Amino acid sequence: MDHRAIPKLNRRLLFYTLFLAYICAGIISVLPGASLLLLAENTHVSLAIAGSSFTLSALGFIIGVLIAGLFSTKLNSKYILIGGIGLMSLAGAITPVTHSFSVLLITQLIKGVGFGLIDVSINTIVTLAFHDTLGETLNNVHSSFGIGSLSGPLLLSLSLQMLNEALWAYLVGAVAGFVVIFLLIRQSVPEIPTQNDKQRQQQPSLFRNVFREPLLWLMALQIALYVGAELGFGNWIVTVLSQSAAISLALAAPAATAFFLGLTIGRLLGGQVLRRGLLSENQLLYISILGGYISGILVAIFPGQIVVSFGASALVGLFYGPLFPGIMAMASRQFVNNIGIVSSVMLVSTGAAAMILPALMGILIPAIGINWVLTLPAFCCLLIIVPLMLANRRQRHSLHLQDEGAIKMEDSASDQPISIHPSK
């Protein structure tokens, strides 16, 4: 495959286009959680029922991932990305103005499908177009989602304070999406090479071998618990603070910004810590898990204390930050030859977690109180330790077996007699 088909200038434009695409996705993804109270009022349902829209969004994400995986070898990823951006922009424009709960559910399903298409297509495009700087480019592109997630609550707060409408915050994300579509249409993007008959015949056997690997499912469980914790906290923090402290959404919305700001800084700091060798990857993960748990409990205990809640929300994000890239890095190294299959499993597991936890939090509000539902993301974060320890133990066992096998091969080779044949 000839990656040089994309000129340097086009690669730069493509990078900034993908960067803007994830900003759009971040804005539209975070706004329904930040404005959930308004959406519940608009559609005349309780918060617990409105929270079920998160389940539809997560279901849509799984559907989008499966659709993108099905068509990634048949259709250029550029068109999959355009479709995903279009769906998210459409959902973002309809969500704040609908007064029908059924329509709200449909828009959240559409938003989830669009996000699934975007996630898979952007990762595919970056892998194909930026193979020589893959790690650097992936980190930079994914950081833009944090920028969008940071901007969304701020735009919502600004829109409510100045215009008394949430619509304008959503429209910023939708307009950004249409700009991305306009930029993508005329750009050339490399395609995944088609498989020959022999590769297609070997693929089912390859899938079975990977799916039988327990380590894959331990890592999928880790990433599912993490995503459940992140989305559960990010989707509910604004509503919890608004209700517990009896303040407006405009004043509570910056709490989500503090969380996503901490998330972005945490990932940047985590990279520097690993680069300088201050901590090992496992040490950083364990510290992040414990720190995220303690910070999350603090928010649940003091939701009425605005300063404490905002500061603790930033700490939750700071400690959550290194978890996602750390877990994904472990999976990528362990399954480097099957990264496509592993990525699909990971993304589907994140969608399943996103379906369950945010909706469960809404259901439990009447039973345990609106502030104590924030303990669920904290406990999910803490539970990551269990599959992480099991995965590390299995990796050490595999390395030990490999070392023993290598030693036996060396001993066997040294025992072989050396034959010297005279030259003819």
Protein backbone atom coordinates (compact mmCIF):
# COMPACT_ATOMS: atom_id res chain seq x y z
CA MET A 1 0.00 0.00 0.00
CA ASP A 2 1.42 3.34 -1.00
CA HIS A 3 0.92 5.89 1.78
CA ARG A 4 2.80 8.49 -0.25
CA ALA A 5 -0.30 8.95 -2.34
CA ILE A 6 -1.32 11.63 0.17
CA PRO A 7 0.84 14.76 -0.22
CA LYS A 8 2.25 16.41 2.88
CA LEU A 9 -0.07 19.43 2.57
CA ASN A 10 -3.10 17.14 2.35
CA ARG A 11 -1.94 15.19 5.38
CA ARG A 12 -1.78 18.39 7.38
CA LEU A 13 -5.28 19.37 6.24
CA LEU A 14 -6.54 15.86 6.95
CA PHE A 15 -5.11 16.01 10.49
CA TYR A 16 -6.85 19.29 11.28
CA THR A 17 -10.08 17.99 9.77
CA LEU A 18 -10.00 14.91 12.01
CA PHE A 19 -9.08 17.14 14.95
CA LEU A 20 -12.18 19.28 14.33
CA ALA A 21 -14.29 16.13 13.87
CA TYR A 22 -13.47 14.93 17.38
CA ILE A 23 -14.13 18.41 18.81
CA CYS A 24 -17.59 18.25 17.21
CA ALA A 25 -18.13 14.75 18.64
CA GLY A 26 -17.00 15.88 22.10
CA ILE A 27 -19.36 18.87 22.19
CA ILE A 28 -22.44 16.95 21.02
CA SER A 29 -21.64 13.91 23.21
CA VAL A 30 -21.32 15.80 26.49
CA LEU A 31 -24.21 18.27 26.12
CA PRO A 32 -27.14 15.86 26.77
CA GLY A 33 -25.63 14.91 30.13
CA ALA A 34 -24.91 18.51 31.08
CA SER A 35 -28.43 19.65 30.08
CA LEU A 36 -30.34 16.55 31.24
CA LEU A 37 -32.54 18.52 33.63
CA LEU A 38 -33.67 20.81 30.79
CA LEU A 39 -34.29 17.86 28.48
CA ALA A 40 -36.38 16.18 31.18
CA GLU A 41 -38.42 19.38 31.62
CA ASN A 42 -38.86 19.81 27.86
CA THR A 43 -40.14 16.26 27.42
CA HIS A 44 -42.18 16.22 30.68
CA VAL A 45 -40.50 13.16 32.24
CA SER A 46 -38.61 12.55 35.48
CA LEU A 47 -34.82 12.57 35.69
CA ALA A 48 -34.79 8.80 36.21
CA ILE A 49 -36.71 8.26 32.98
CA ALA A 50 -34.70 10.88 31.08
CA GLY A 51 -31.54 9.03 32.11
CA SER A 52 -32.66 6.06 30.00
CA SER A 53 -31.70 8.11 26.95
CA PHE A 54 -28.07 7.31 27.82
CA THR A 55 -28.85 3.63 27.25
CA LEU A 56 -30.16 4.36 23.76
CA SER A 57 -27.06 6.40 22.99
CA ALA A 58 -24.80 3.55 24.09
CA LEU A 59 -26.85 1.04 22.08
CA GLY A 60 -26.48 3.29 19.06
CA PHE A 61 -22.72 3.42 19.62
CA ILE A 62 -22.52 -0.39 19.49
CA ILE A 63 -24.61 -0.43 16.32
CA GLY A 64 -22.38 2.24 14.78
CA VAL A 65 -19.20 0.30 15.64
CA LEU A 66 -20.60 -2.87 14.08
CA ILE A 67 -21.73 -1.01 10.93
CA ALA A 68 -18.34 0.68 10.58
CA GLY A 69 -16.53 -2.63 11.03
CA LEU A 70 -18.75 -4.28 8.42
CA PHE A 71 -18.20 -1.60 5.78
CA SER A 72 -14.60 -0.58 6.57
CA THR A 73 -13.17 -3.01 3.98
CA LYS A 74 -15.86 -2.22 1.40
CA LEU A 75 -16.15 1.56 1.66
CA ASN A 76 -13.59 4.33 2.08
CA SER A 77 -13.49 5.39 5.74
CA LYS A 78 -13.94 9.00 4.63
CA TYR A 79 -17.55 8.30 3.70
CA ILE A 80 -18.17 6.42 6.96
CA LEU A 81 -16.83 9.45 8.85
CA ILE A 82 -19.01 11.84 6.83
CA GLY A 83 -22.04 9.69 7.66
CA GLY A 84 -21.18 9.66 11.36
CA ILE A 85 -20.63 13.42 11.52
CA GLY A 86 -23.89 14.02 9.66
CA LEU A 87 -25.87 11.83 12.07
CA MET A 88 -24.36 13.47 15.16
CA SER A 89 -24.95 16.98 13.82
CA LEU A 90 -28.56 16.15 12.98
CA ALA A 91 -29.15 14.66 16.44
CA GLY A 92 -27.49 17.68 18.08
CA ALA A 93 -29.77 20.11 16.26
CA ILE A 94 -32.98 18.24 17.20
CA THR A 95 -32.20 17.25 20.82
CA PRO A 96 -32.68 20.65 22.58
CA VAL A 97 -35.88 21.64 20.74
CA THR A 98 -37.96 18.46 20.91
CA HIS A 99 -40.84 18.19 23.40
CA SER A 100 -41.44 14.50 22.70
CA PHE A 101 -39.60 11.96 24.83
CA SER A 102 -39.86 9.39 22.02
CA VAL A 103 -38.13 11.79 19.64
CA LEU A 104 -35.46 12.46 22.29
CA LEU A 105 -34.77 8.73 22.54
CA ILE A 106 -34.49 8.44 18.76
CA THR A 107 -32.08 11.38 18.56
CA GLN A 108 -29.87 9.81 21.24
CA LEU A 109 -29.87 6.51 19.36
CA ILE A 110 -28.88 8.37 16.17
CA LYS A 111 -26.19 10.29 18.07
CA GLY A 112 -24.74 7.00 19.36
CA VAL A 113 -24.69 5.45 15.88
CA GLY A 114 -22.92 8.52 14.55
CA PHE A 115 -20.32 8.44 17.32
CA GLY A 116 -19.61 4.76 16.67
CA LEU A 117 -19.06 5.48 12.98
CA ILE A 118 -16.78 8.42 13.84
CA ASP A 119 -14.68 6.50 16.38
CA VAL A 120 -13.89 3.56 14.09
CA SER A 121 -13.40 5.61 10.91
CA ILE A 122 -11.03 8.15 12.50
CA ASN A 123 -8.86 5.41 13.99
CA THR A 124 -8.75 3.68 10.59
CA ILE A 125 -7.90 6.87 8.71
CA VAL A 126 -5.13 7.83 11.13
CA THR A 127 -3.64 4.33 10.95
CA LEU A 128 -3.56 4.39 7.15
CA ALA A 129 -2.58 8.01 6.54
CA PHE A 130 -0.15 8.63 9.42
CA HIS A 131 1.58 5.26 9.75
CA ASP A 132 5.00 6.89 10.20
CA THR A 133 3.84 8.97 13.22
CA LEU A 134 0.98 6.78 14.37
CA GLY A 135 1.39 7.00 18.15
CA GLU A 136 1.96 10.74 18.18
CA THR A 137 -0.92 11.45 15.79
CA LEU A 138 -3.41 9.23 17.64
CA ASN A 139 -2.63 10.97 20.94
CA ASN A 140 -3.02 14.40 19.38
CA VAL A 141 -6.25 13.57 17.55
CA HIS A 142 -7.86 11.92 20.58
CA SER A 143 -6.95 14.88 22.78
CA SER A 144 -9.30 17.00 20.65
CA PHE A 145 -12.26 15.02 22.00
CA GLY A 146 -11.31 16.36 25.42
CA ILE A 147 -11.31 19.89 24.00
CA GLY A 148 -14.85 19.35 22.72
CA SER A 149 -15.93 17.85 26.04
CA LEU A 150 -14.44 20.85 27.84
CA SER A 151 -16.11 23.33 25.51
CA GLY A 152 -19.60 21.79 25.65
CA PRO A 153 -20.49 22.67 29.28
CA LEU A 154 -18.93 26.13 28.91
CA LEU A 155 -20.98 26.76 25.77
CA LEU A 156 -24.08 25.55 27.60
CA SER A 157 -23.43 27.86 30.54
CA LEU A 158 -22.79 30.81 28.21
CA SER A 159 -25.87 30.03 26.13
CA LEU A 160 -28.13 29.81 29.19
CA GLN A 161 -26.80 32.95 30.81
CA MET A 162 -26.75 35.18 27.72
CA LEU A 163 -29.56 33.79 25.55
CA ASN A 164 -31.58 31.72 28.04
CA GLU A 165 -31.55 28.84 25.53
CA ALA A 166 -29.54 25.60 25.37
CA LEU A 167 -30.08 25.37 21.60
CA TRP A 168 -27.16 27.64 20.71
CA ALA A 169 -24.63 25.41 22.47
CA TYR A 170 -25.86 22.40 20.48
CA LEU A 171 -25.77 24.40 17.24
CA VAL A 172 -22.06 25.14 17.69
CA GLY A 173 -21.37 21.39 17.57
CA ALA A 174 -23.70 20.91 14.60
CA VAL A 175 -22.09 23.75 12.63
CA ALA A 176 -18.63 22.35 13.38
CA GLY A 177 -19.87 19.02 12.01
CA PHE A 178 -20.99 20.52 8.73
CA VAL A 179 -17.63 22.29 8.39
CA VAL A 180 -15.92 18.88 8.80
CA ILE A 181 -18.14 17.37 6.08
CA PHE A 182 -17.30 20.25 3.71
CA LEU A 183 -13.56 19.81 4.34
CA LEU A 184 -13.68 16.02 3.92
CA ILE A 185 -15.59 15.86 0.64
CA ARG A 186 -12.70 17.02 -1.57
CA GLN A 187 -9.88 15.27 0.34
CA SER A 188 -8.30 11.98 -0.70
CA VAL A 189 -8.08 9.37 2.04
CA PRO A 190 -6.31 5.97 1.73
CA GLU A 191 -8.40 2.82 1.80
CA ILE A 192 -7.92 -0.49 3.57
CA PRO A 193 -6.40 -2.97 1.07
CA THR A 194 -8.80 -5.68 -0.03
CA GLN A 195 -8.17 -9.25 1.15
CA ASN A 196 -7.32 -12.09 -1.19
CA ASP A 197 -9.14 -15.44 -1.10
CA LYS A 198 -6.54 -17.10 1.15
CA GLN A 199 -6.73 -14.32 3.75
CA ARG A 200 -10.54 -14.48 3.77
CA GLN A 201 -10.39 -18.26 4.36
CA GLN A 202 -7.94 -17.85 7.29
CA GLN A 203 -9.88 -15.03 8.97
CA PRO A 204 -12.50 -17.14 10.85
CA SER A 205 -9.75 -19.30 12.41
CA LEU A 206 -7.86 -16.17 13.46
CA PHE A 207 -10.98 -14.73 15.08
CA ARG A 208 -11.60 -17.91 17.05
CA ASN A 209 -8.05 -18.01 18.42
CA VAL A 210 -8.20 -14.40 19.60
CA PHE A 211 -11.65 -14.75 21.13
CA ARG A 212 -10.46 -17.78 23.15
CA GLU A 213 -7.72 -15.72 24.81
CA PRO A 214 -8.77 -14.91 28.43
CA LEU A 215 -6.41 -11.94 28.52
CA LEU A 216 -8.51 -10.19 25.87
CA TRP A 217 -11.65 -10.43 27.98
CA LEU A 218 -9.84 -9.24 31.11
CA MET A 219 -8.72 -6.15 29.22
CA ALA A 220 -12.20 -5.67 27.75
CA LEU A 221 -13.60 -5.77 31.30
CA GLN A 222 -11.08 -3.14 32.40
CA ILE A 223 -11.99 -0.76 29.60
CA ALA A 224 -15.73 -1.38 30.16
CA LEU A 225 -15.47 -0.52 33.86
CA TYR A 226 -13.47 2.59 33.04
CA VAL A 227 -15.92 3.85 30.41
CA GLY A 228 -18.84 3.14 32.74
CA ALA A 229 -17.13 5.23 35.42
CA GLU A 230 -16.22 8.08 33.06
CA LEU A 231 -19.61 8.35 31.37
CA GLY A 232 -21.53 7.81 34.60
CA PHE A 233 -19.68 10.65 36.30
CA GLY A 234 -19.53 12.95 33.26
CA ASN A 235 -23.22 12.54 32.39
CA TRP A 236 -24.59 13.06 35.91
CA ILE A 237 -22.22 15.47 37.68
CA VAL A 238 -23.96 18.67 36.48
CA THR A 239 -27.45 17.41 37.34
CA VAL A 240 -26.33 16.11 40.76
CA LEU A 241 -24.68 19.41 41.73
CA SER A 242 -27.60 21.46 40.43
CA GLN A 243 -30.10 19.44 42.48
CA SER A 244 -27.98 18.97 45.61
CA ALA A 245 -26.72 22.55 45.90
CA ALA A 246 -29.98 24.09 44.60
CA ILE A 247 -28.20 26.10 41.91
CA SER A 248 -29.01 26.68 38.25
CA LEU A 249 -27.63 24.51 35.47
CA ALA A 250 -25.67 27.52 34.23
CA LEU A 251 -23.74 27.63 37.53
CA ALA A 252 -23.39 23.84 37.79
CA ALA A 253 -22.28 23.21 34.19
CA PRO A 254 -18.62 24.23 34.81
CA ALA A 255 -18.29 21.16 37.06
CA ALA A 256 -18.32 19.01 33.93
CA THR A 257 -15.72 21.35 32.42
CA ALA A 258 -13.55 20.85 35.53
CA PHE A 259 -13.88 17.09 35.11
CA PHE A 260 -12.93 17.07 31.42
CA LEU A 261 -10.14 19.59 32.02
CA GLY A 262 -8.72 17.24 34.65
CA LEU A 263 -9.16 14.34 32.22
CA THR A 264 -7.14 16.12 29.52
CA ILE A 265 -4.40 17.25 31.93
CA GLY A 266 -4.25 13.77 33.46
CA ARG A 267 -3.51 12.21 30.08
CA LEU A 268 -0.82 14.77 29.31
CA LEU A 269 0.80 14.33 32.73
CA GLY A 270 0.56 10.54 32.50
CA GLY A 271 2.48 10.60 29.23
CA GLN A 272 5.21 12.75 30.75
CA VAL A 273 5.47 10.53 33.85
CA LEU A 274 5.96 7.43 31.68
CA ARG A 275 8.34 9.23 29.32
CA ARG A 276 10.60 10.30 32.20
CA GLY A 277 10.41 6.89 33.88
CA LEU A 278 9.07 8.29 37.15
CA LEU A 279 6.57 5.44 37.41
CA SER A 280 5.99 2.19 35.58
CA GLU A 281 2.82 1.80 33.56
CA ASN A 282 1.26 -0.52 36.13
CA GLN A 283 2.17 1.79 39.03
CA LEU A 284 0.55 4.72 37.23
CA LEU A 285 -2.61 2.68 36.63
CA TYR A 286 -2.90 1.59 40.27
CA ILE A 287 -2.38 5.15 41.56
CA SER A 288 -4.95 6.46 39.06
CA ILE A 289 -7.53 3.87 40.10
CA LEU A 290 -7.18 4.62 43.82
CA GLY A 291 -7.08 8.38 43.25
CA GLY A 292 -10.17 8.27 41.02
CA TYR A 293 -12.06 6.24 43.63
CA ILE A 294 -11.22 8.55 46.55
CA SER A 295 -11.97 11.72 44.54
CA GLY A 296 -15.30 10.32 43.34
CA ILE A 297 -16.35 9.49 46.91
CA LEU A 298 -15.50 13.07 47.97
CA VAL A 299 -17.85 14.48 45.32
CA ALA A 300 -20.63 12.16 46.51
CA ILE A 301 -20.14 13.17 50.16
CA PHE A 302 -19.96 16.96 49.59
CA PRO A 303 -22.20 17.72 46.57
CA GLY A 304 -23.61 20.82 48.25
CA GLN A 305 -20.16 22.37 48.75
CA ILE A 306 -19.56 24.00 45.37
CA VAL A 307 -15.84 24.69 45.76
CA VAL A 308 -15.15 21.18 47.09
CA SER A 309 -17.29 19.58 44.36
CA PHE A 310 -15.61 21.52 41.56
CA GLY A 311 -12.12 20.74 42.90
CA ALA A 312 -12.92 17.07 43.47
CA SER A 313 -14.46 16.81 39.98
CA ALA A 314 -11.19 18.09 38.51
CA LEU A 315 -9.29 15.51 40.58
CA VAL A 316 -11.60 12.73 39.35
CA GLY A 317 -10.74 13.72 35.79
CA LEU A 318 -7.03 14.03 36.62
CA PHE A 319 -6.87 10.47 37.99
CA TYR A 320 -9.19 9.02 35.33
CA GLY A 321 -7.02 10.53 32.57
CA PRO A 322 -4.22 7.92 32.34
CA LEU A 323 -6.57 4.91 32.61
CA PHE A 324 -7.99 4.71 29.08
CA PRO A 325 -4.69 5.15 27.17
CA GLY A 326 -2.89 2.89 29.66
CA ILE A 327 -5.35 0.01 29.25
CA MET A 328 -5.45 0.41 25.47
CA ALA A 329 -1.64 0.49 25.29
CA MET A 330 -1.46 -2.83 27.17
CA ALA A 331 -3.97 -4.40 24.78
CA SER A 332 -2.18 -3.06 21.71
CA ARG A 333 1.18 -4.47 22.79
CA GLN A 334 -0.27 -7.84 23.75
CA PHE A 335 -2.29 -8.26 20.52
CA VAL A 336 -0.18 -6.29 18.09
CA ASN A 337 -0.87 -8.73 15.23
CA ASN A 338 -4.64 -8.68 15.75
CA ILE A 339 -5.23 -5.06 16.65
CA GLY A 340 -8.31 -4.74 14.42
CA ILE A 341 -10.19 -7.57 16.15
CA VAL A 342 -9.12 -6.40 19.59
CA SER A 343 -10.19 -2.79 18.89
CA SER A 344 -13.66 -3.99 17.89
CA VAL A 345 -14.03 -6.06 21.07
CA MET A 346 -12.86 -3.13 23.20
CA LEU A 347 -15.24 -0.66 21.56
CA VAL A 348 -18.23 -2.98 21.84
CA SER A 349 -17.46 -3.54 25.54
CA THR A 350 -17.34 0.23 26.10
CA GLY A 351 -20.72 0.58 24.42
CA ALA A 352 -22.19 -2.12 26.66
CA ALA A 353 -20.89 -0.36 29.77
CA ALA A 354 -22.23 2.97 28.55
CA MET A 355 -25.66 1.37 28.13
CA ILE A 356 -25.81 0.09 31.69
CA LEU A 357 -24.24 2.43 34.25
CA PRO A 358 -25.62 5.91 33.38
CA ALA A 359 -29.16 4.51 33.07
CA LEU A 360 -28.75 2.50 36.30
CA MET A 361 -27.73 5.69 38.11
CA GLY A 362 -30.97 7.36 37.01
CA ILE A 363 -33.05 4.39 38.17
CA LEU A 364 -31.39 4.39 41.61
CA ILE A 365 -31.96 8.09 42.32
CA PRO A 366 -35.28 7.54 44.16
CA ALA A 367 -33.80 4.69 46.20
CA ILE A 368 -30.43 6.07 47.36
CA GLY A 369 -30.63 9.80 46.67
CA ILE A 370 -29.30 11.91 43.84
CA ASN A 371 -25.90 12.57 45.42
CA TRP A 372 -25.11 8.97 46.34
CA VAL A 373 -25.54 7.74 42.76
CA LEU A 374 -22.09 9.27 42.16
CA THR A 375 -20.60 6.49 44.29
CA LEU A 376 -21.33 4.03 41.45
CA PRO A 377 -18.69 5.49 39.07
CA ALA A 378 -16.24 5.54 41.99
CA PHE A 379 -16.80 1.85 42.73
CA CYS A 380 -16.52 0.98 39.02
CA CYS A 381 -13.16 2.74 38.97
CA LEU A 382 -12.01 0.78 42.03
CA LEU A 383 -13.14 -2.54 40.51
CA ILE A 384 -10.72 -2.07 37.59
CA ILE A 385 -8.02 -3.30 39.99
CA VAL A 386 -9.39 -6.86 39.91
CA PRO A 387 -9.11 -7.63 36.15
CA LEU A 388 -5.93 -5.52 36.00
CA MET A 389 -4.22 -7.70 38.60
CA LEU A 390 -5.45 -10.89 36.92
CA ALA A 391 -4.25 -9.66 33.51
CA ASN A 392 -0.82 -8.75 34.89
CA ARG A 393 -0.51 -12.14 36.55
CA ARG A 394 -1.43 -13.90 33.31
CA GLN A 395 1.06 -11.80 31.34
CA ARG A 396 3.85 -12.66 33.79
CA HIS A 397 2.93 -16.36 33.53
CA SER A 398 3.02 -16.19 29.71
CA LEU A 399 6.41 -14.47 29.76
CA HIS A 400 7.73 -17.11 32.17
CA LEU A 401 6.60 -19.91 29.86
CA GLN A 402 8.20 -18.15 26.88
CA ASP A 403 11.48 -17.79 28.76
CA GLU A 404 11.46 -21.47 29.71
CA GLY A 405 10.77 -22.44 26.10
CA ALA A 406 13.63 -20.28 24.87
CA ILE A 407 16.03 -21.83 27.39
CA LYS A 408 15.01 -25.35 26.35
CA MET A 409 15.57 -24.51 22.69
CA GLU A 410 19.03 -23.13 23.47
CA ASP A 411 19.93 -26.25 25.49
CA SER A 412 18.65 -28.49 22.71
CA ALA A 413 20.71 -26.62 20.14
CA SER A 414 23.88 -26.83 22.25
CA ASP A 415 23.48 -30.62 22.61
CA GLN A 416 23.43 -31.17 18.85
CA PRO A 417 26.72 -32.56 17.41
CA ILE A 418 28.54 -30.23 15.08
CA SER A 419 29.16 -31.80 11.68
CA ILE A 420 31.99 -30.51 9.53
CA HIS A 421 31.69 -31.33 5.84
CA PRO A 422 34.78 -31.04 3.72
CA SER A 423 34.45 -28.66 0.81
CA LYS A 424 34.20 -30.21 -2.59
